[in-house]
Amino acid sequence: MDQPALDLPFDAQAMLPGLRAWVECESPTFDAAAVARMMDIAARDLALMGARVETIPGRMGCGPCVRASFPHAGTGPGILIMGHLDTVHPVGTLAPLPWRVEGNRVYGPGVYDMKGGNWIAIEAVRQLLRAGIATSRPVTVLLTSDEEIGSPSTRDLIEAEAARHAFVLVPEPARPDGGVVTGRYAIARFNLRATGKPSHAGARLADGRSAIREMCRQVVAIEALTTEAVTYSVGVISGGQWVNCVATHCDAESLSMAKRQEDLDAAVETMLSLRPTGNDVQLEVKRGVTRPVWEPDARGMELYGVARTIARSIGFDINPQSAGGGSDGNFTGAMGIPTLDGLGVQGAGGHTLEEHLLLDSLVPRAKLIAGLLQVL
């Protein structure tokens, strides 16, 4: 397998200034204007590389997306590089988590999940273009705006775009051992609302029925449902407005994850059948965003085999793994389109104030992506 792409002059230090500009443009999902600023930077970088760039308006209150197509002599189905530019970090996180390089670690909000992975994928394309090395198929880059909340506004766009491609490469973070992702668990989200009876918490406490108290009971019961087959967790809760009022409403968001679709389907039924603990309070449960299970299949494993051959020729190995924690690869993998996820950087601390990537992972992972773009 001839792979001149593996001899390209990738340089980790040279990648850092461009990546820094991305990381220092904070882009939390719920701030559509911030995400739009990030998309503008990415669109310009892609346009400078010669791509035909389109900005796709956001919806449901989310930011826009960017689609970039690179010139190619071929006309058949191509390769889709797919990533998200939204992060979980609110604007202002650069204060406690500034961009910094400490030894082999590069810190910053979103540097690991997943601006670093997106950047090395684009760097792979850039190096191929500079060297005049043709990709095996037309390449499209799709950068989306709401993956961190389950992709409610972009799932249709992702699936429509993926259907026009032969392969999907997802530079989400690598697994802890450097492995790649060939399947992901199914995930369902739920929105809960408890409704109680208001009263004055000082003068008429006994007359009220606290929605907060009811939700707390429900949270304990929900999380106690966790088994080896399905996990149940509550990650968001809010209620009440005045400390001297018995709370009328309390809202919560819950997430369930399962390795098998049938187990998740059963979890959905369980959640939707929840009832209040007493007749004097109410409970409403609505199903939110769902990611289908993506199970490894023959075509996906064949794609992995190509990637492993390339990785070994570079000097490292990659193990195939099914992973918890959803990605947009759930959608394309479940569609039966050969998808390889976890191609991004190595590091740790995603979604925390210790988020970082490993500097020495940039070059080998970029070379892996470049090799795939050349031979698929």
Protein backbone atom coordinates (compact mmCIF):
# COMPACT_ATOMS: atom_id res chain seq x y z
CA MET A 1 0.00 0.00 0.00
CA ASP A 2 1.78 3.11 -1.25
CA GLN A 3 1.34 5.93 1.27
CA PRO A 4 3.48 9.01 0.55
CA ALA A 5 1.08 10.87 2.85
CA LEU A 6 2.90 9.32 5.78
CA ASP A 7 6.08 11.15 4.82
CA LEU A 8 4.46 14.57 4.90
CA PRO A 9 6.20 17.18 7.08
CA PHE A 10 3.74 17.34 9.95
CA ASP A 11 5.04 19.46 12.83
CA ALA A 12 3.30 19.56 16.19
CA GLN A 13 4.66 22.99 17.12
CA ALA A 14 3.53 24.43 13.79
CA MET A 15 -0.01 23.20 14.48
CA LEU A 16 -0.33 25.04 17.77
CA PRO A 17 -0.94 28.66 16.68
CA GLY A 18 -3.95 27.76 14.54
CA LEU A 19 -5.34 25.44 17.19
CA ARG A 20 -4.86 28.12 19.82
CA ALA A 21 -7.03 30.54 17.83
CA TRP A 22 -9.78 27.92 17.80
CA VAL A 23 -9.51 27.12 21.51
CA GLU A 24 -9.45 30.77 22.53
CA CYS A 25 -12.69 31.37 20.65
CA GLU A 26 -14.94 29.94 23.34
CA SER A 27 -18.03 28.25 21.88
CA PRO A 28 -20.45 26.74 24.40
CA THR A 29 -23.45 25.08 22.78
CA PHE A 30 -26.03 27.28 24.47
CA ASP A 31 -24.39 30.50 23.23
CA ALA A 32 -25.34 30.54 19.54
CA ALA A 33 -23.48 33.80 18.89
CA ALA A 34 -20.27 32.38 20.37
CA VAL A 35 -20.60 29.23 18.27
CA ALA A 36 -21.15 31.41 15.19
CA ARG A 37 -17.90 33.27 15.89
CA MET A 38 -16.09 29.93 16.06
CA MET A 39 -17.68 28.79 12.82
CA ASP A 40 -16.55 32.00 11.12
CA ILE A 41 -12.94 31.28 12.09
CA ALA A 42 -13.17 27.69 10.84
CA ALA A 43 -14.87 28.76 7.61
CA ARG A 44 -12.09 31.22 6.86
CA ASP A 45 -9.37 28.65 7.56
CA LEU A 46 -11.06 26.16 5.24
CA ALA A 47 -11.60 28.76 2.52
CA LEU A 48 -7.90 29.66 2.61
CA MET A 49 -7.20 26.00 1.87
CA GLY A 50 -9.25 26.21 -1.32
CA ALA A 51 -12.46 24.60 -0.09
CA ARG A 52 -15.91 25.64 -1.23
CA VAL A 53 -17.39 26.70 2.11
CA GLU A 54 -21.05 26.99 3.06
CA THR A 55 -22.46 28.25 6.33
CA ILE A 56 -25.70 26.48 7.20
CA PRO A 57 -28.00 28.51 9.47
CA GLY A 58 -28.70 27.16 12.92
CA ARG A 59 -32.12 26.31 14.29
CA MET A 60 -33.75 25.49 17.63
CA GLY A 61 -31.71 28.31 19.12
CA CYS A 62 -28.41 26.64 18.23
CA GLY A 63 -25.53 28.06 16.23
CA PRO A 64 -24.79 27.55 12.52
CA CYS A 65 -22.80 24.73 10.93
CA VAL A 66 -20.05 24.79 8.31
CA ARG A 67 -19.70 22.45 5.35
CA ALA A 68 -16.50 22.59 3.26
CA SER A 69 -15.95 20.63 0.05
CA PHE A 70 -12.51 20.27 -1.49
CA PRO A 71 -11.92 20.14 -5.27
CA HIS A 72 -11.48 16.63 -6.64
CA ALA A 73 -11.47 15.03 -10.06
CA GLY A 74 -13.69 12.19 -8.88
CA THR A 75 -17.46 12.30 -8.86
CA GLY A 76 -18.37 9.24 -6.78
CA PRO A 77 -19.33 9.14 -3.10
CA GLY A 78 -16.60 10.68 -0.99
CA ILE A 79 -15.17 10.77 2.52
CA LEU A 80 -16.93 12.83 5.18
CA ILE A 81 -14.85 14.24 8.04
CA MET A 82 -17.36 15.08 10.74
CA GLY A 83 -16.83 16.96 13.99
CA HIS A 84 -18.42 19.46 16.34
CA LEU A 85 -17.14 22.85 17.41
CA ASP A 86 -19.44 23.42 20.36
CA THR A 87 -18.09 22.76 23.86
CA VAL A 88 -19.50 22.31 27.34
CA HIS A 89 -17.41 25.18 28.73
CA PRO A 90 -19.21 28.52 29.26
CA VAL A 91 -17.68 31.74 28.03
CA GLY A 92 -15.17 32.82 30.65
CA THR A 93 -13.63 29.36 31.15
CA LEU A 94 -10.39 30.69 29.66
CA ALA A 95 -9.78 32.38 33.02
CA PRO A 96 -9.50 29.16 35.09
CA LEU A 97 -8.44 27.06 32.09
CA PRO A 98 -6.24 29.24 29.89
CA TRP A 99 -4.44 28.01 26.78
CA ARG A 100 -1.07 26.80 27.96
CA VAL A 101 1.57 24.24 27.04
CA GLU A 102 3.15 22.40 29.95
CA GLY A 103 5.59 19.75 28.81
CA ASN A 104 3.62 17.25 26.74
CA ARG A 105 0.25 18.69 27.73
CA VAL A 106 -1.71 21.39 25.93
CA TYR A 107 -4.55 22.83 28.02
CA GLY A 108 -7.65 24.81 27.08
CA PRO A 109 -11.45 24.60 26.90
CA GLY A 110 -12.41 22.21 24.12
CA VAL A 111 -8.80 21.46 23.15
CA TYR A 112 -9.40 17.74 23.68
CA ASP A 113 -13.13 17.49 22.97
CA MET A 114 -12.88 18.12 20.16
CA LYS A 115 -11.17 21.13 18.60
CA GLY A 116 -7.83 19.35 18.67
CA GLY A 117 -9.20 16.43 16.67
CA ASN A 118 -10.88 18.68 14.16
CA TRP A 119 -7.68 20.67 13.75
CA ILE A 120 -5.47 17.67 13.02
CA ALA A 121 -8.03 16.38 10.50
CA ILE A 122 -7.94 19.70 8.67
CA GLU A 123 -4.16 19.75 8.95
CA ALA A 124 -4.11 16.33 7.28
CA VAL A 125 -6.05 17.73 4.33
CA ARG A 126 -3.84 20.84 4.25
CA GLN A 127 -0.63 18.81 4.07
CA LEU A 128 -2.00 16.59 1.30
CA LEU A 129 -2.99 19.65 -0.72
CA ARG A 130 0.38 21.33 -0.25
CA ALA A 131 2.18 18.19 -1.40
CA GLY A 132 -0.10 17.72 -4.40
CA ILE A 133 -1.16 14.28 -3.17
CA ALA A 134 -4.66 13.45 -4.32
CA THR A 135 -7.13 12.00 -1.87
CA SER A 136 -8.70 8.75 -2.97
CA ARG A 137 -12.18 10.31 -3.04
CA PRO A 138 -13.73 13.76 -2.74
CA VAL A 139 -13.45 15.06 0.83
CA THR A 140 -16.09 17.06 2.70
CA VAL A 141 -15.73 18.51 6.19
CA LEU A 142 -18.89 19.02 8.25
CA LEU A 143 -18.55 21.00 11.49
CA THR A 144 -21.66 21.06 13.66
CA SER A 145 -22.88 23.18 16.52
CA ASP A 146 -24.82 21.11 19.07
CA GLU A 147 -23.23 17.69 19.61
CA GLU A 148 -22.73 18.30 23.31
CA ILE A 149 -26.49 18.40 23.84
CA GLY A 150 -27.23 15.38 21.65
CA SER A 151 -27.41 17.09 18.22
CA PRO A 152 -31.14 17.86 18.30
CA SER A 153 -30.88 20.54 15.59
CA THR A 154 -28.33 18.84 13.35
CA ARG A 155 -29.18 15.14 13.25
CA ASP A 156 -31.10 15.53 10.01
CA LEU A 157 -28.19 17.43 8.45
CA ILE A 158 -25.67 14.84 9.62
CA GLU A 159 -27.67 11.92 8.28
CA ALA A 160 -28.41 13.60 4.97
CA GLU A 161 -24.76 14.51 4.44
CA ALA A 162 -23.47 11.10 5.49
CA ALA A 163 -25.84 9.35 3.08
CA ARG A 164 -23.97 10.98 0.20
CA HIS A 165 -20.60 9.58 1.31
CA ALA A 166 -18.85 6.23 1.22
CA PHE A 167 -17.00 6.65 4.53
CA VAL A 168 -17.28 8.79 7.65
CA LEU A 169 -14.25 9.73 9.76
CA VAL A 170 -14.90 11.24 13.19
CA PRO A 171 -11.92 12.86 14.97
CA GLU A 172 -13.46 12.67 18.42
CA PRO A 173 -10.83 12.04 21.13
CA ALA A 174 -8.96 8.75 21.01
CA ARG A 175 -9.64 6.15 23.66
CA PRO A 176 -7.35 6.26 26.74
CA ASP A 177 -5.02 3.67 25.23
CA GLY A 178 -4.99 5.41 21.85
CA GLY A 179 -7.56 3.08 20.37
CA VAL A 180 -10.31 4.04 17.97
CA VAL A 181 -14.08 3.67 18.21
CA THR A 182 -15.93 1.16 16.04
CA GLY A 183 -19.23 1.29 17.92
CA ARG A 184 -21.03 3.36 20.55
CA TYR A 185 -23.72 2.70 23.13
CA ALA A 186 -27.29 3.88 22.76
CA ILE A 187 -28.26 7.00 24.70
CA ALA A 188 -31.60 8.57 25.62
CA ARG A 189 -32.27 11.84 27.42
CA PHE A 190 -35.37 12.76 29.40
CA ASN A 191 -36.91 15.99 30.65
CA LEU A 192 -38.79 15.76 33.93
CA ARG A 193 -41.06 18.26 35.68
CA ALA A 194 -42.50 17.91 39.16
CA THR A 195 -45.42 20.15 40.09
CA GLY A 196 -46.37 20.72 43.72
CA LYS A 197 -48.59 23.14 45.60
CA PRO A 198 -47.28 26.57 46.59
CA SER A 199 -47.59 28.07 50.04
CA HIS A 200 -45.76 30.52 52.28
CA ALA A 201 -42.78 28.60 53.64
CA GLY A 202 -42.86 30.54 56.91
CA ALA A 203 -46.51 31.09 57.75
CA ARG A 204 -48.22 28.16 55.95
CA LEU A 205 -45.51 25.54 55.33
CA ALA A 206 -47.79 22.57 55.96
CA ASP A 207 -50.25 23.77 53.32
CA GLY A 208 -47.68 23.40 50.54
CA ARG A 209 -46.35 20.41 48.62
CA SER A 210 -42.78 20.92 47.47
CA ALA A 211 -41.94 20.11 43.86
CA ILE A 212 -38.27 20.10 44.87
CA ARG A 213 -38.88 17.45 47.51
CA GLU A 214 -40.73 15.33 44.97
CA MET A 215 -37.95 15.63 42.41
CA CYS A 216 -35.34 14.70 44.98
CA ARG A 217 -37.25 11.51 45.70
CA GLN A 218 -37.46 10.79 42.00
CA VAL A 219 -33.70 11.38 41.48
CA VAL A 220 -32.82 8.84 44.17
CA ALA A 221 -35.24 6.32 42.68
CA ILE A 222 -34.05 6.89 39.09
CA GLU A 223 -30.37 6.49 39.84
CA ALA A 224 -31.11 3.33 41.87
CA LEU A 225 -32.37 1.73 38.63
CA THR A 226 -28.81 1.47 37.25
CA THR A 227 -27.74 -2.07 36.33
CA GLU A 228 -24.94 -3.66 34.33
CA ALA A 229 -27.17 -3.36 31.26
CA VAL A 230 -28.37 0.25 31.62
CA THR A 231 -27.19 3.33 33.49
CA TYR A 232 -29.50 6.04 34.81
CA SER A 233 -28.21 9.43 35.90
CA VAL A 234 -29.62 12.88 36.58
CA GLY A 235 -27.26 15.66 35.53
CA VAL A 236 -29.36 18.83 35.73
CA ILE A 237 -31.91 19.95 38.32
CA SER A 238 -33.50 23.31 39.02
CA GLY A 239 -36.53 24.48 40.94
CA GLY A 240 -38.11 27.17 43.02
CA GLN A 241 -37.82 30.91 42.82
CA TRP A 242 -38.23 32.31 46.34
CA VAL A 243 -36.74 30.74 49.44
CA ASN A 244 -39.82 31.73 51.43
CA CYS A 245 -42.18 29.91 49.03
CA VAL A 246 -42.79 26.18 48.81
CA ALA A 247 -41.67 25.37 45.26
CA THR A 248 -44.38 24.88 42.67
CA HIS A 249 -42.11 23.48 39.96
CA CYS A 250 -38.86 21.57 39.74
CA ASP A 251 -37.24 20.46 36.48
CA ALA A 252 -34.56 17.87 35.84
CA GLU A 253 -32.74 16.22 32.95
CA SER A 254 -31.88 12.55 33.02
CA LEU A 255 -29.74 10.36 30.77
CA SER A 256 -29.75 6.60 30.22
CA MET A 257 -27.12 4.62 28.33
CA ALA A 258 -27.07 0.99 27.20
CA LYS A 259 -24.85 -1.25 25.11
CA ARG A 260 -27.85 -2.84 23.40
CA GLN A 261 -30.77 -1.08 21.77
CA GLU A 262 -33.32 -3.40 23.37
CA ASP A 263 -32.01 -2.50 26.82
CA LEU A 264 -32.29 1.19 26.06
CA ASP A 265 -35.82 0.70 24.71
CA ALA A 266 -36.74 -0.93 28.01
CA ALA A 267 -35.17 1.97 29.90
CA VAL A 268 -37.24 4.41 27.87
CA GLU A 269 -40.41 2.55 28.86
CA THR A 270 -39.31 2.59 32.50
CA MET A 271 -38.66 6.31 32.49
CA LEU A 272 -41.90 7.18 30.73
CA SER A 273 -43.85 5.08 33.24
CA LEU A 274 -42.55 6.95 36.30
CA ARG A 275 -45.31 8.18 38.60
CA PRO A 276 -45.39 10.73 41.44
CA THR A 277 -44.82 9.48 44.96
CA GLY A 278 -48.11 10.97 46.21
CA ASN A 279 -51.50 12.11 44.96
CA ASP A 280 -50.86 15.72 45.93
CA VAL A 281 -47.96 16.23 43.48
CA GLN A 282 -47.60 15.69 39.73
CA LEU A 283 -44.79 14.33 37.59
CA GLU A 284 -44.34 14.69 33.84
CA VAL A 285 -41.62 12.83 31.91
CA LYS A 286 -40.85 13.60 28.27
CA ARG A 287 -38.41 11.79 26.05
CA GLY A 288 -35.62 14.01 24.74
CA VAL A 289 -32.80 13.42 22.28
CA THR A 290 -31.93 9.80 21.54
CA ARG A 291 -28.78 8.39 19.97
CA PRO A 292 -29.22 4.93 18.43
CA VAL A 293 -26.85 2.12 19.29
CA TRP A 294 -24.01 1.76 16.80
CA GLU A 295 -22.85 -1.81 16.71
CA PRO A 296 -19.64 -2.86 14.94
CA ASP A 297 -20.33 -4.46 11.55
CA ALA A 298 -18.25 -6.08 8.82
CA ARG A 299 -17.81 -2.94 6.69
CA GLY A 300 -16.91 -0.82 9.68
CA MET A 301 -14.37 -3.37 10.86
CA GLU A 302 -12.89 -3.49 7.36
CA LEU A 303 -12.39 0.27 7.58
CA TYR A 304 -10.76 -0.22 10.97
CA GLY A 305 -8.44 -2.83 9.44
CA VAL A 306 -7.24 -0.29 6.87
CA ALA A 307 -6.64 2.24 9.64
CA ARG A 308 -4.73 -0.26 11.75
CA THR A 309 -2.42 -1.12 8.84
CA ILE A 310 -1.68 2.58 8.37
CA ALA A 311 -1.12 3.14 12.10
CA ARG A 312 1.33 0.25 12.27
CA SER A 313 3.26 1.63 9.32
CA ILE A 314 3.57 4.91 11.24
CA GLY A 315 4.80 3.11 14.33
CA PHE A 316 1.85 2.64 16.68
CA ASP A 317 -1.15 0.36 17.05
CA ILE A 318 -4.86 1.05 17.54
CA ASN A 319 -7.39 -1.23 19.19
CA PRO A 320 -11.05 -1.25 18.13
CA GLN A 321 -13.46 -0.43 20.95
CA SER A 322 -17.13 0.20 21.54
CA ALA A 323 -17.51 3.25 23.74
CA GLY A 324 -19.95 4.87 26.08
CA GLY A 325 -20.58 8.55 25.64
CA GLY A 326 -22.36 9.35 22.42
CA SER A 327 -21.07 11.09 19.34
CA ASP A 328 -22.49 11.91 15.95
CA GLY A 329 -20.86 8.67 14.84
CA ASN A 330 -23.85 6.94 16.49
CA PHE A 331 -26.04 8.27 13.71
CA THR A 332 -23.83 7.42 10.74
CA GLY A 333 -22.75 4.06 12.14
CA ALA A 334 -26.37 3.10 12.81
CA MET A 335 -27.15 4.01 9.18
CA GLY A 336 -24.71 1.31 8.07
CA ILE A 337 -22.21 3.76 6.59
CA PRO A 338 -18.65 2.62 7.37
CA THR A 339 -17.65 4.93 10.20
CA LEU A 340 -14.45 5.21 12.20
CA ASP A 341 -14.61 7.33 15.35
CA GLY A 342 -12.04 8.24 17.98
CA LEU A 343 -9.49 9.31 15.38
CA GLY A 344 -8.66 12.49 17.24
CA VAL A 345 -6.05 13.45 19.79
CA GLN A 346 -5.03 11.65 22.93
CA GLY A 347 -5.42 13.41 26.24
CA ALA A 348 -7.73 13.52 29.25
CA GLY A 349 -9.95 15.73 31.38
CA GLY A 350 -12.69 16.34 28.83
CA HIS A 351 -15.53 18.51 30.20
CA THR A 352 -13.39 19.54 33.20
CA LEU A 353 -10.99 22.33 34.13
CA GLU A 354 -8.11 19.89 33.57
CA GLU A 355 -8.92 19.30 29.89
CA HIS A 356 -5.79 18.74 27.85
CA LEU A 357 -4.37 16.93 24.85
CA LEU A 358 -1.02 15.21 24.54
CA LEU A 359 1.28 17.16 22.28
CA ASP A 360 3.07 14.06 21.00
CA SER A 361 -0.22 12.63 19.70
CA LEU A 362 -0.77 15.40 17.13
CA VAL A 363 1.60 14.20 14.42
CA PRO A 364 0.90 10.44 14.45
CA ARG A 365 -2.87 10.97 14.59
CA ALA A 366 -2.74 13.53 11.76
CA LYS A 367 -0.67 11.10 9.70
CA LEU A 368 -3.23 8.37 10.31
CA ILE A 369 -6.03 10.57 8.99
CA ALA A 370 -3.93 11.65 6.01
CA GLY A 371 -3.21 8.02 5.21
CA LEU A 372 -6.90 7.15 5.32
CA LEU A 373 -7.76 10.06 3.02
CA GLN A 374 -5.20 8.79 0.54
CA VAL A 375 -6.12 5.11 0.37
CA LEU A 376 -9.85 4.67 1.12
